Amino acid sequence: MEIIVYGSQYGTTQRYAEELSRQTGIPAIRSGEKADLSPYQTVIHMGGLYAGSVKGLKTTVKTISEQAELIVVTVGLVDGSNAEGVENIRRSVRKQLPKAFCDKAPVFHLRGGMDYRKLSLGHKAMMQVAYRRAKALPEEKQTPEIQAVLATHHQAVDFVDFGALHPILAYLDGNTEKVPKK
């Protein structure tokens, strides 16, 4: 049995999860919707990135079997073609995974979006602090994540691209040539 679990605050990750579900026939549920995910052999966790954490991942890994295959898909502002930025995300995800999944879970990254007008007050404040810190850094010290914060500040941006699901679909079909290095 397979399931897609998604953690989405503003809807971008949910859109990807629903499209992946549509293309694969694998049911998609919101993180925390099922208390016990242990019956599932494959769990695809899709989560938005918030201050380096993957939304809902902590809840998902607590409720799945250590024998399950976990596939992690992050959604954030970093362009998926930016190798350095994606590698930074993968390192951060690995720190959030229990030892049982740390070395074996493939991690994919999709580019999402953000509409500053729709952010909660807390997220607006957090982004304002991040923007001020980012702006103060010399250009040579700006990581891809910081550059994304600077480029999208106070904007509504939508980088959702369902074509970016192809490497995940290839992995699910057993074609591991396009799978990111663990």
N, C-alpha and C. Protein backbone atom coordinates (compact mmCIF):
# COMPACT_ATOMS: atom_id res chain seq x y z
N MET A 1 0.83 -1.19 0.00
CA MET A 1 0.00 0.00 0.00
C MET A 1 0.87 1.25 0.00
N GLU A 2 0.42 2.24 -0.73
CA GLU A 2 1.15 3.50 -0.85
C GLU A 2 0.23 4.65 -0.45
N ILE A 3 0.85 5.72 0.03
CA ILE A 3 0.08 6.91 0.38
C ILE A 3 0.96 8.15 0.22
N ILE A 4 0.32 9.25 -0.15
CA ILE A 4 0.98 10.55 -0.21
C ILE A 4 0.46 11.34 0.99
N VAL A 5 1.38 11.85 1.79
CA VAL A 5 1.03 12.69 2.94
C VAL A 5 1.62 14.06 2.67
N TYR A 6 0.81 15.11 2.83
CA TYR A 6 1.34 16.44 2.54
C TYR A 6 1.12 17.41 3.69
N GLY A 7 2.12 18.27 3.88
CA GLY A 7 2.03 19.37 4.83
C GLY A 7 2.08 20.65 4.04
N SER A 8 0.95 21.36 4.02
CA SER A 8 0.85 22.57 3.20
C SER A 8 0.20 23.67 4.01
N GLN A 9 0.85 24.80 4.09
CA GLN A 9 0.32 25.94 4.85
C GLN A 9 -0.55 26.84 3.97
N TYR A 10 -0.09 27.10 2.75
CA TYR A 10 -0.78 28.06 1.89
C TYR A 10 -1.28 27.46 0.58
N GLY A 11 -1.11 26.15 0.39
CA GLY A 11 -1.73 25.47 -0.75
C GLY A 11 -0.83 25.00 -1.86
N THR A 12 0.39 25.48 -1.94
CA THR A 12 1.27 25.09 -3.05
C THR A 12 1.61 23.60 -2.98
N THR A 13 2.00 23.13 -1.81
CA THR A 13 2.33 21.71 -1.66
C THR A 13 1.10 20.85 -1.90
N GLN A 14 -0.05 21.30 -1.44
CA GLN A 14 -1.29 20.56 -1.66
C GLN A 14 -1.55 20.39 -3.16
N ARG A 15 -1.31 21.43 -3.94
CA ARG A 15 -1.51 21.34 -5.39
C ARG A 15 -0.61 20.27 -6.00
N TYR A 16 0.67 20.26 -5.59
CA TYR A 16 1.58 19.22 -6.09
C TYR A 16 1.11 17.83 -5.66
N ALA A 17 0.71 17.69 -4.39
CA ALA A 17 0.29 16.38 -3.87
C ALA A 17 -0.94 15.87 -4.62
N GLU A 18 -1.89 16.75 -4.85
CA GLU A 18 -3.10 16.34 -5.57
C GLU A 18 -2.79 15.96 -7.02
N GLU A 19 -1.85 16.67 -7.65
CA GLU A 19 -1.47 16.32 -9.02
C GLU A 19 -0.72 14.99 -9.06
N LEU A 20 0.19 14.77 -8.11
CA LEU A 20 0.90 13.49 -8.05
C LEU A 20 -0.10 12.36 -7.81
N SER A 21 -1.06 12.59 -6.95
CA SER A 21 -2.11 11.60 -6.69
C SER A 21 -2.90 11.31 -7.97
N ARG A 22 -3.25 12.36 -8.68
CA ARG A 22 -4.01 12.20 -9.93
C ARG A 22 -3.23 11.37 -10.95
N GLN A 23 -1.93 11.65 -11.05
CA GLN A 23 -1.10 10.96 -12.05
C GLN A 23 -0.77 9.53 -11.66
N THR A 24 -0.75 9.21 -10.38
CA THR A 24 -0.34 7.88 -9.94
C THR A 24 -1.48 7.01 -9.41
N GLY A 25 -2.57 7.64 -9.02
CA GLY A 25 -3.66 6.90 -8.38
C GLY A 25 -3.41 6.63 -6.91
N ILE A 26 -2.30 7.16 -6.37
CA ILE A 26 -1.99 6.99 -4.95
C ILE A 26 -2.79 8.03 -4.17
N PRO A 27 -3.53 7.61 -3.14
CA PRO A 27 -4.32 8.59 -2.39
C PRO A 27 -3.43 9.60 -1.66
N ALA A 28 -3.93 10.83 -1.56
CA ALA A 28 -3.20 11.90 -0.86
C ALA A 28 -4.04 12.38 0.31
N ILE A 29 -3.36 12.55 1.46
CA ILE A 29 -4.02 13.05 2.66
C ILE A 29 -3.17 14.15 3.28
N ARG A 30 -3.83 15.02 4.01
CA ARG A 30 -3.13 16.08 4.74
C ARG A 30 -2.38 15.45 5.93
N SER A 31 -1.21 15.96 6.22
CA SER A 31 -0.41 15.48 7.37
C SER A 31 -1.25 15.55 8.64
N GLY A 32 -1.22 14.48 9.42
CA GLY A 32 -1.97 14.42 10.67
C GLY A 32 -3.38 13.90 10.51
N GLU A 33 -3.83 13.70 9.26
CA GLU A 33 -5.19 13.23 9.01
C GLU A 33 -5.39 11.79 9.48
N LYS A 34 -4.37 10.97 9.32
CA LYS A 34 -4.41 9.57 9.81
C LYS A 34 -3.43 9.45 10.95
N ALA A 35 -3.90 8.88 12.05
CA ALA A 35 -3.05 8.76 13.23
C ALA A 35 -1.98 7.68 13.05
N ASP A 36 -2.28 6.67 12.23
CA ASP A 36 -1.36 5.54 12.09
C ASP A 36 -1.10 5.27 10.62
N LEU A 37 0.15 5.49 10.21
CA LEU A 37 0.54 5.22 8.83
C LEU A 37 1.33 3.92 8.71
N SER A 38 1.43 3.16 9.81
CA SER A 38 2.26 1.95 9.81
C SER A 38 1.83 0.88 8.81
N PRO A 39 0.57 0.79 8.38
CA PRO A 39 0.23 -0.23 7.38
C PRO A 39 0.80 0.03 5.98
N TYR A 40 1.27 1.24 5.73
CA TYR A 40 1.73 1.59 4.38
C TYR A 40 3.18 1.19 4.16
N GLN A 41 3.44 0.52 3.01
CA GLN A 41 4.81 0.12 2.66
C GLN A 41 5.59 1.29 2.06
N THR A 42 4.90 2.20 1.39
CA THR A 42 5.54 3.37 0.78
C THR A 42 4.79 4.62 1.21
N VAL A 43 5.53 5.56 1.78
CA VAL A 43 4.95 6.83 2.21
C VAL A 43 5.72 7.95 1.52
N ILE A 44 4.99 8.73 0.72
CA ILE A 44 5.58 9.89 0.06
C ILE A 44 5.17 11.10 0.88
N HIS A 45 6.14 11.71 1.55
CA HIS A 45 5.83 12.90 2.35
C HIS A 45 6.22 14.13 1.55
N MET A 46 5.24 14.98 1.28
CA MET A 46 5.46 16.24 0.57
C MET A 46 5.21 17.36 1.56
N GLY A 47 6.21 18.23 1.73
CA GLY A 47 6.04 19.29 2.71
C GLY A 47 6.67 20.60 2.29
N GLY A 48 5.97 21.68 2.59
CA GLY A 48 6.51 23.00 2.36
C GLY A 48 7.66 23.26 3.31
N LEU A 49 8.62 24.05 2.85
CA LEU A 49 9.77 24.41 3.68
C LEU A 49 9.47 25.70 4.43
N TYR A 50 9.60 25.64 5.74
CA TYR A 50 9.38 26.81 6.59
C TYR A 50 10.54 26.89 7.57
N ALA A 51 11.37 27.90 7.41
CA ALA A 51 12.55 28.10 8.25
C ALA A 51 13.41 26.83 8.29
N GLY A 52 13.53 26.18 7.14
CA GLY A 52 14.38 25.00 7.03
C GLY A 52 13.73 23.69 7.42
N SER A 53 12.54 23.73 8.00
CA SER A 53 11.83 22.50 8.38
C SER A 53 10.80 22.13 7.32
N VAL A 54 10.57 20.83 7.19
CA VAL A 54 9.60 20.33 6.24
C VAL A 54 8.27 20.14 6.97
N LYS A 55 7.26 20.88 6.56
CA LYS A 55 5.97 20.86 7.25
C LYS A 55 5.39 19.44 7.30
N GLY A 56 5.11 18.99 8.52
CA GLY A 56 4.47 17.71 8.74
C GLY A 56 5.38 16.51 8.77
N LEU A 57 6.65 16.67 8.41
CA LEU A 57 7.56 15.51 8.33
C LEU A 57 7.74 14.84 9.68
N LYS A 58 7.88 15.63 10.72
CA LYS A 58 8.08 15.06 12.06
C LYS A 58 6.90 14.16 12.44
N THR A 59 5.69 14.59 12.15
CA THR A 59 4.49 13.80 12.45
C THR A 59 4.47 12.52 11.62
N THR A 60 4.79 12.64 10.34
CA THR A 60 4.77 11.47 9.46
C THR A 60 5.76 10.40 9.92
N VAL A 61 7.00 10.78 10.19
CA VAL A 61 7.99 9.76 10.53
C VAL A 61 7.70 9.10 11.88
N LYS A 62 6.94 9.75 12.73
CA LYS A 62 6.57 9.14 14.01
C LYS A 62 5.55 8.03 13.84
N THR A 63 4.80 8.07 12.73
CA THR A 63 3.67 7.13 12.59
C THR A 63 3.87 6.08 11.51
N ILE A 64 5.04 6.02 10.87
CA ILE A 64 5.27 5.00 9.86
C ILE A 64 6.21 3.93 10.39
N SER A 65 6.13 2.78 9.77
CA SER A 65 7.00 1.67 10.14
C SER A 65 8.42 1.97 9.68
N GLU A 66 9.40 1.53 10.45
CA GLU A 66 10.81 1.70 10.05
C GLU A 66 11.14 0.89 8.81
N GLN A 67 10.31 -0.10 8.49
CA GLN A 67 10.52 -0.90 7.28
C GLN A 67 9.90 -0.25 6.04
N ALA A 68 9.11 0.78 6.23
CA ALA A 68 8.46 1.45 5.11
C ALA A 68 9.50 2.19 4.26
N GLU A 69 9.17 2.36 3.00
CA GLU A 69 9.98 3.21 2.14
C GLU A 69 9.44 4.62 2.30
N LEU A 70 10.29 5.54 2.68
CA LEU A 70 9.92 6.94 2.82
C LEU A 70 10.55 7.71 1.67
N ILE A 71 9.75 8.50 1.00
CA ILE A 71 10.21 9.38 -0.06
C ILE A 71 9.85 10.80 0.40
N VAL A 72 10.82 11.69 0.44
CA VAL A 72 10.58 13.05 0.93
C VAL A 72 10.62 14.01 -0.26
N VAL A 73 9.59 14.85 -0.34
CA VAL A 73 9.51 15.86 -1.39
C VAL A 73 9.32 17.21 -0.70
N THR A 74 10.27 18.11 -0.88
CA THR A 74 10.15 19.44 -0.31
C THR A 74 9.62 20.41 -1.36
N VAL A 75 8.96 21.45 -0.89
CA VAL A 75 8.45 22.49 -1.78
C VAL A 75 8.86 23.83 -1.19
N GLY A 76 9.58 24.62 -1.97
CA GLY A 76 10.05 25.90 -1.47
C GLY A 76 10.41 26.85 -2.60
N LEU A 77 10.97 27.97 -2.24
CA LEU A 77 11.28 29.01 -3.22
C LEU A 77 12.55 28.77 -4.02
N VAL A 78 13.46 27.91 -3.53
CA VAL A 78 14.72 27.67 -4.23
C VAL A 78 14.45 26.98 -5.56
N ASP A 79 15.06 27.49 -6.60
CA ASP A 79 14.95 26.91 -7.93
C ASP A 79 15.57 25.52 -7.92
N GLY A 80 14.81 24.53 -8.38
CA GLY A 80 15.29 23.15 -8.40
C GLY A 80 16.49 22.92 -9.29
N SER A 81 16.78 23.84 -10.21
CA SER A 81 17.95 23.69 -11.06
C SER A 81 19.21 24.21 -10.39
N ASN A 82 19.06 24.81 -9.20
CA ASN A 82 20.22 25.33 -8.46
C ASN A 82 20.76 24.20 -7.57
N ALA A 83 21.81 23.54 -8.06
CA ALA A 83 22.35 22.36 -7.37
C ALA A 83 22.77 22.65 -5.93
N GLU A 84 23.40 23.79 -5.70
CA GLU A 84 23.85 24.14 -4.35
C GLU A 84 22.67 24.30 -3.40
N GLY A 85 21.64 25.00 -3.86
CA GLY A 85 20.47 25.22 -3.03
C GLY A 85 19.75 23.93 -2.70
N VAL A 86 19.59 23.06 -3.69
CA VAL A 86 18.91 21.79 -3.47
C VAL A 86 19.74 20.90 -2.54
N GLU A 87 21.05 20.91 -2.69
CA GLU A 87 21.90 20.12 -1.78
C GLU A 87 21.79 20.64 -0.35
N ASN A 88 21.71 21.95 -0.17
CA ASN A 88 21.51 22.52 1.17
C ASN A 88 20.19 22.03 1.77
N ILE A 89 19.16 21.96 0.95
CA ILE A 89 17.85 21.48 1.41
C ILE A 89 17.96 20.00 1.81
N ARG A 90 18.61 19.20 0.98
CA ARG A 90 18.76 17.77 1.29
C ARG A 90 19.51 17.56 2.61
N ARG A 91 20.55 18.34 2.83
CA ARG A 91 21.29 18.21 4.10
C ARG A 91 20.39 18.56 5.28
N SER A 92 19.61 19.59 5.14
CA SER A 92 18.69 19.99 6.20
C SER A 92 17.64 18.91 6.46
N VAL A 93 17.11 18.31 5.40
CA VAL A 93 16.12 17.24 5.56
C VAL A 93 16.73 16.06 6.29
N ARG A 94 17.94 15.68 5.92
CA ARG A 94 18.60 14.53 6.56
C ARG A 94 18.69 14.72 8.09
N LYS A 95 18.91 15.96 8.51
CA LYS A 95 18.99 16.24 9.95
C LYS A 95 17.65 16.07 10.64
N GLN A 96 16.57 16.13 9.89
CA GLN A 96 15.22 16.01 10.45
C GLN A 96 14.71 14.58 10.46
N LEU A 97 15.44 13.67 9.81
CA LEU A 97 14.98 12.29 9.70
C LEU A 97 15.57 11.41 10.78
N PRO A 98 14.78 10.47 11.29
CA PRO A 98 15.33 9.48 12.22
C PRO A 98 16.37 8.63 11.50
N LYS A 99 17.26 8.06 12.26
CA LYS A 99 18.35 7.25 11.70
C LYS A 99 17.86 6.18 10.72
N ALA A 100 16.72 5.58 11.01
CA ALA A 100 16.19 4.50 10.16
C ALA A 100 15.94 4.95 8.72
N PHE A 101 15.69 6.23 8.51
CA PHE A 101 15.38 6.74 7.18
C PHE A 101 16.47 7.64 6.60
N CYS A 102 17.37 8.09 7.43
CA CYS A 102 18.34 9.11 7.06
C CYS A 102 19.13 8.78 5.80
N ASP A 103 19.62 7.57 5.68
CA ASP A 103 20.49 7.23 4.56
C ASP A 103 19.77 6.59 3.38
N LYS A 104 18.50 6.22 3.58
CA LYS A 104 17.83 5.51 2.49
C LYS A 104 16.69 6.28 1.83
N ALA A 105 16.22 7.35 2.43
CA ALA A 105 15.09 8.08 1.86
C ALA A 105 15.55 9.04 0.76
N PRO A 106 15.07 8.87 -0.46
CA PRO A 106 15.40 9.85 -1.49
C PRO A 106 14.70 11.17 -1.17
N VAL A 107 15.35 12.27 -1.50
CA VAL A 107 14.79 13.60 -1.25
C VAL A 107 14.72 14.35 -2.58
N PHE A 108 13.51 14.76 -2.93
CA PHE A 108 13.26 15.53 -4.14
C PHE A 108 12.89 16.95 -3.72
N HIS A 109 13.08 17.91 -4.62
CA HIS A 109 12.70 19.30 -4.32
C HIS A 109 11.90 19.87 -5.49
N LEU A 110 10.79 20.52 -5.14
CA LEU A 110 9.95 21.20 -6.12
C LEU A 110 9.90 22.68 -5.78
N ARG A 111 9.81 23.50 -6.79
CA ARG A 111 9.73 24.94 -6.54
C ARG A 111 8.27 25.32 -6.35
N GLY A 112 8.00 26.06 -5.30
CA GLY A 112 6.63 26.41 -4.96
C GLY A 112 6.28 27.84 -5.27
N GLY A 113 5.83 28.54 -4.30
CA GLY A 113 5.43 29.92 -4.48
C GLY A 113 5.12 30.57 -3.15
N MET A 114 4.80 31.84 -3.21
CA MET A 114 4.46 32.56 -2.00
C MET A 114 3.71 33.83 -2.38
N ASP A 115 2.71 34.14 -1.59
CA ASP A 115 1.97 35.39 -1.77
C ASP A 115 2.03 36.11 -0.43
N TYR A 116 2.85 37.13 -0.35
CA TYR A 116 3.06 37.83 0.91
C TYR A 116 1.76 38.36 1.51
N ARG A 117 0.80 38.69 0.66
CA ARG A 117 -0.47 39.21 1.17
C ARG A 117 -1.23 38.15 1.97
N LYS A 118 -0.98 36.87 1.69
CA LYS A 118 -1.70 35.79 2.35
C LYS A 118 -0.96 35.19 3.55
N LEU A 119 0.25 35.64 3.81
CA LEU A 119 1.02 35.10 4.93
C LEU A 119 0.39 35.51 6.26
N SER A 120 0.52 34.61 7.23
CA SER A 120 0.08 34.94 8.58
C SER A 120 0.99 36.04 9.13
N LEU A 121 0.55 36.71 10.17
CA LEU A 121 1.38 37.76 10.77
C LEU A 121 2.73 37.20 11.22
N GLY A 122 2.72 36.02 11.80
CA GLY A 122 3.97 35.39 12.24
C GLY A 122 4.91 35.12 11.09
N HIS A 123 4.37 34.60 9.98
CA HIS A 123 5.22 34.32 8.82
C HIS A 123 5.70 35.62 8.16
N LYS A 124 4.86 36.65 8.16
CA LYS A 124 5.31 37.94 7.61
C LYS A 124 6.47 38.49 8.43
N ALA A 125 6.34 38.38 9.73
CA ALA A 125 7.41 38.88 10.61
C ALA A 125 8.69 38.08 10.40
N MET A 126 8.55 36.76 10.29
CA MET A 126 9.71 35.90 10.07
C MET A 126 10.38 36.23 8.73
N MET A 127 9.58 36.45 7.70
CA MET A 127 10.14 36.78 6.39
C MET A 127 10.79 38.17 6.41
N GLN A 128 10.25 39.09 7.17
CA GLN A 128 10.84 40.42 7.26
C GLN A 128 12.22 40.34 7.92
N VAL A 129 12.32 39.54 8.98
CA VAL A 129 13.61 39.35 9.65
C VAL A 129 14.59 38.69 8.69
N ALA A 130 14.13 37.65 7.99
CA ALA A 130 15.00 36.95 7.04
C ALA A 130 15.46 37.90 5.93
N TYR A 131 14.56 38.75 5.46
CA TYR A 131 14.90 39.70 4.41
C TYR A 131 15.96 40.70 4.89
N ARG A 132 15.79 41.23 6.09
CA ARG A 132 16.77 42.20 6.61
C ARG A 132 18.14 41.56 6.77
N ARG A 133 18.17 40.33 7.29
CA ARG A 133 19.45 39.63 7.44
C ARG A 133 20.08 39.35 6.08
N ALA A 134 19.25 38.91 5.14
CA ALA A 134 19.74 38.57 3.80
C ALA A 134 20.30 39.81 3.10
N LYS A 135 19.60 40.90 3.23
CA LYS A 135 20.01 42.15 2.56
C LYS A 135 21.34 42.66 3.10
N ALA A 136 21.62 42.36 4.37
CA ALA A 136 22.85 42.84 5.01
C ALA A 136 24.07 42.00 4.63
N LEU A 137 23.84 40.82 4.07
CA LEU A 137 24.96 39.94 3.71
C LEU A 137 25.64 40.38 2.42
N PRO A 138 26.96 40.29 2.37
CA PRO A 138 27.65 40.55 1.09
C PRO A 138 27.21 39.50 0.07
N GLU A 139 27.17 39.87 -1.17
CA GLU A 139 26.68 39.00 -2.23
C GLU A 139 27.37 37.63 -2.25
N GLU A 140 28.67 37.61 -2.00
CA GLU A 140 29.41 36.34 -2.05
C GLU A 140 29.02 35.38 -0.92
N LYS A 141 28.34 35.87 0.10
CA LYS A 141 27.92 35.02 1.22
C LYS A 141 26.44 34.64 1.14
N GLN A 142 25.78 35.06 0.08
CA GLN A 142 24.36 34.77 -0.08
C GLN A 142 24.17 33.38 -0.68
N THR A 143 23.53 32.51 0.08
CA THR A 143 23.22 31.17 -0.41
C THR A 143 22.03 31.28 -1.38
N PRO A 144 21.75 30.21 -2.13
CA PRO A 144 20.58 30.23 -3.00
C PRO A 144 19.27 30.49 -2.24
N GLU A 145 19.18 29.98 -1.02
CA GLU A 145 17.98 30.21 -0.21
C GLU A 145 17.83 31.70 0.11
N ILE A 146 18.93 32.33 0.46
CA ILE A 146 18.91 33.77 0.77
C ILE A 146 18.59 34.58 -0.48
N GLN A 147 19.14 34.19 -1.60
CA GLN A 147 18.85 34.88 -2.86
C GLN A 147 17.36 34.78 -3.21
N ALA A 148 16.75 33.63 -2.92
CA ALA A 148 15.32 33.46 -3.19
C ALA A 148 14.48 34.38 -2.30
N VAL A 149 14.88 34.53 -1.03
CA VAL A 149 14.18 35.45 -0.12
C VAL A 149 14.26 36.88 -0.66
N LEU A 150 15.45 37.28 -1.09
CA LEU A 150 15.63 38.64 -1.62
C LEU A 150 14.83 38.86 -2.91
N ALA A 151 14.83 37.87 -3.78
CA ALA A 151 14.18 38.02 -5.09
C ALA A 151 12.66 38.05 -5.01
N THR A 152 12.09 37.46 -3.96
CA THR A 152 10.63 37.33 -3.90
C THR A 152 9.99 38.19 -2.81
N HIS A 153 10.77 39.00 -2.13
CA HIS A 153 10.26 39.78 -1.00
C HIS A 153 9.08 40.67 -1.40
N HIS A 154 8.03 40.59 -0.63
CA HIS A 154 6.79 41.37 -0.82
C HIS A 154 6.12 41.15 -2.18
N GLN A 155 6.30 39.97 -2.74
CA GLN A 155 5.70 39.66 -4.04
C GLN A 155 4.76 38.47 -3.93
N ALA A 156 3.95 38.32 -4.93
CA ALA A 156 3.18 37.09 -5.11
C ALA A 156 3.85 36.36 -6.27
N VAL A 157 4.42 35.20 -5.97
CA VAL A 157 5.11 34.41 -6.99
C VAL A 157 4.57 32.99 -6.97
N ASP A 158 4.47 32.41 -8.14
CA ASP A 158 3.99 31.03 -8.26
C ASP A 158 4.86 30.33 -9.29
N PHE A 159 5.73 29.46 -8.78
CA PHE A 159 6.66 28.72 -9.64
C PHE A 159 6.22 27.27 -9.82
N VAL A 160 4.99 26.94 -9.45
CA VAL A 160 4.53 25.56 -9.54
C VAL A 160 4.63 25.09 -10.99
N ASP A 161 5.24 23.91 -11.14
CA ASP A 161 5.45 23.30 -12.46
C ASP A 161 5.23 21.81 -12.31
N PHE A 162 4.07 21.34 -12.75
CA PHE A 162 3.77 19.91 -12.61
C PHE A 162 4.73 19.03 -13.41
N GLY A 163 5.41 19.59 -14.41
CA GLY A 163 6.43 18.85 -15.13
C GLY A 163 7.59 18.46 -14.23
N ALA A 164 7.80 19.21 -13.15
CA ALA A 164 8.87 18.91 -12.20
C ALA A 164 8.60 17.63 -11.41
N LEU A 165 7.40 17.08 -11.54
CA LEU A 165 7.08 15.81 -10.88
C LEU A 165 7.70 14.62 -11.60
N HIS A 166 8.20 14.81 -12.81
CA HIS A 166 8.73 13.70 -13.62
C HIS A 166 9.78 12.85 -12.91
N PRO A 167 10.79 13.43 -12.25
CA PRO A 167 11.76 12.57 -11.56
C PRO A 167 11.13 11.71 -10.45
N ILE A 168 10.11 12.23 -9.80
CA ILE A 168 9.40 11.46 -8.76
C ILE A 168 8.63 10.33 -9.42
N LEU A 169 7.95 10.62 -10.50
CA LEU A 169 7.21 9.59 -11.24
C LEU A 169 8.16 8.52 -11.76
N ALA A 170 9.33 8.94 -12.27
CA ALA A 170 10.32 7.97 -12.76
C ALA A 170 10.79 7.08 -11.63
N TYR A 171 11.04 7.67 -10.47
CA TYR A 171 11.47 6.88 -9.31
C TYR A 171 10.40 5.87 -8.93
N LEU A 172 9.15 6.30 -8.88
CA LEU A 172 8.05 5.40 -8.52
C LEU A 172 7.88 4.29 -9.54
N ASP A 173 8.26 4.56 -10.80
CA ASP A 173 8.20 3.54 -11.85
C ASP A 173 9.44 2.65 -11.88
N GLY A 174 10.37 2.89 -10.95
CA GLY A 174 11.57 2.06 -10.88
C GLY A 174 12.73 2.56 -11.69
N ASN A 175 12.62 3.73 -12.32
CA ASN A 175 13.71 4.30 -13.10
C ASN A 175 14.54 5.18 -12.17
N THR A 176 15.58 4.62 -11.61
CA THR A 176 16.38 5.34 -10.61
C THR A 176 17.49 6.20 -11.21
N GLU A 177 17.58 6.26 -12.53
CA GLU A 177 18.64 7.07 -13.16
C GLU A 177 18.48 8.56 -12.83
N LYS A 178 17.24 9.01 -12.66
CA LYS A 178 17.00 10.43 -12.41
C LYS A 178 16.77 10.74 -10.93
N VAL A 179 17.08 9.80 -10.08
CA VAL A 179 16.83 9.98 -8.65
C VAL A 179 17.98 10.77 -8.03
N PRO A 180 17.64 11.76 -7.19
CA PRO A 180 18.71 12.53 -6.54
C PRO A 180 19.56 11.64 -5.65
N LYS A 181 20.82 11.98 -5.56
CA LYS A 181 21.72 11.23 -4.68
C LYS A 181 21.29 11.42 -3.24
N LYS A 182 21.34 10.33 -2.50
CA LYS A 182 20.87 10.35 -1.12
C LYS A 182 21.86 11.02 -0.20
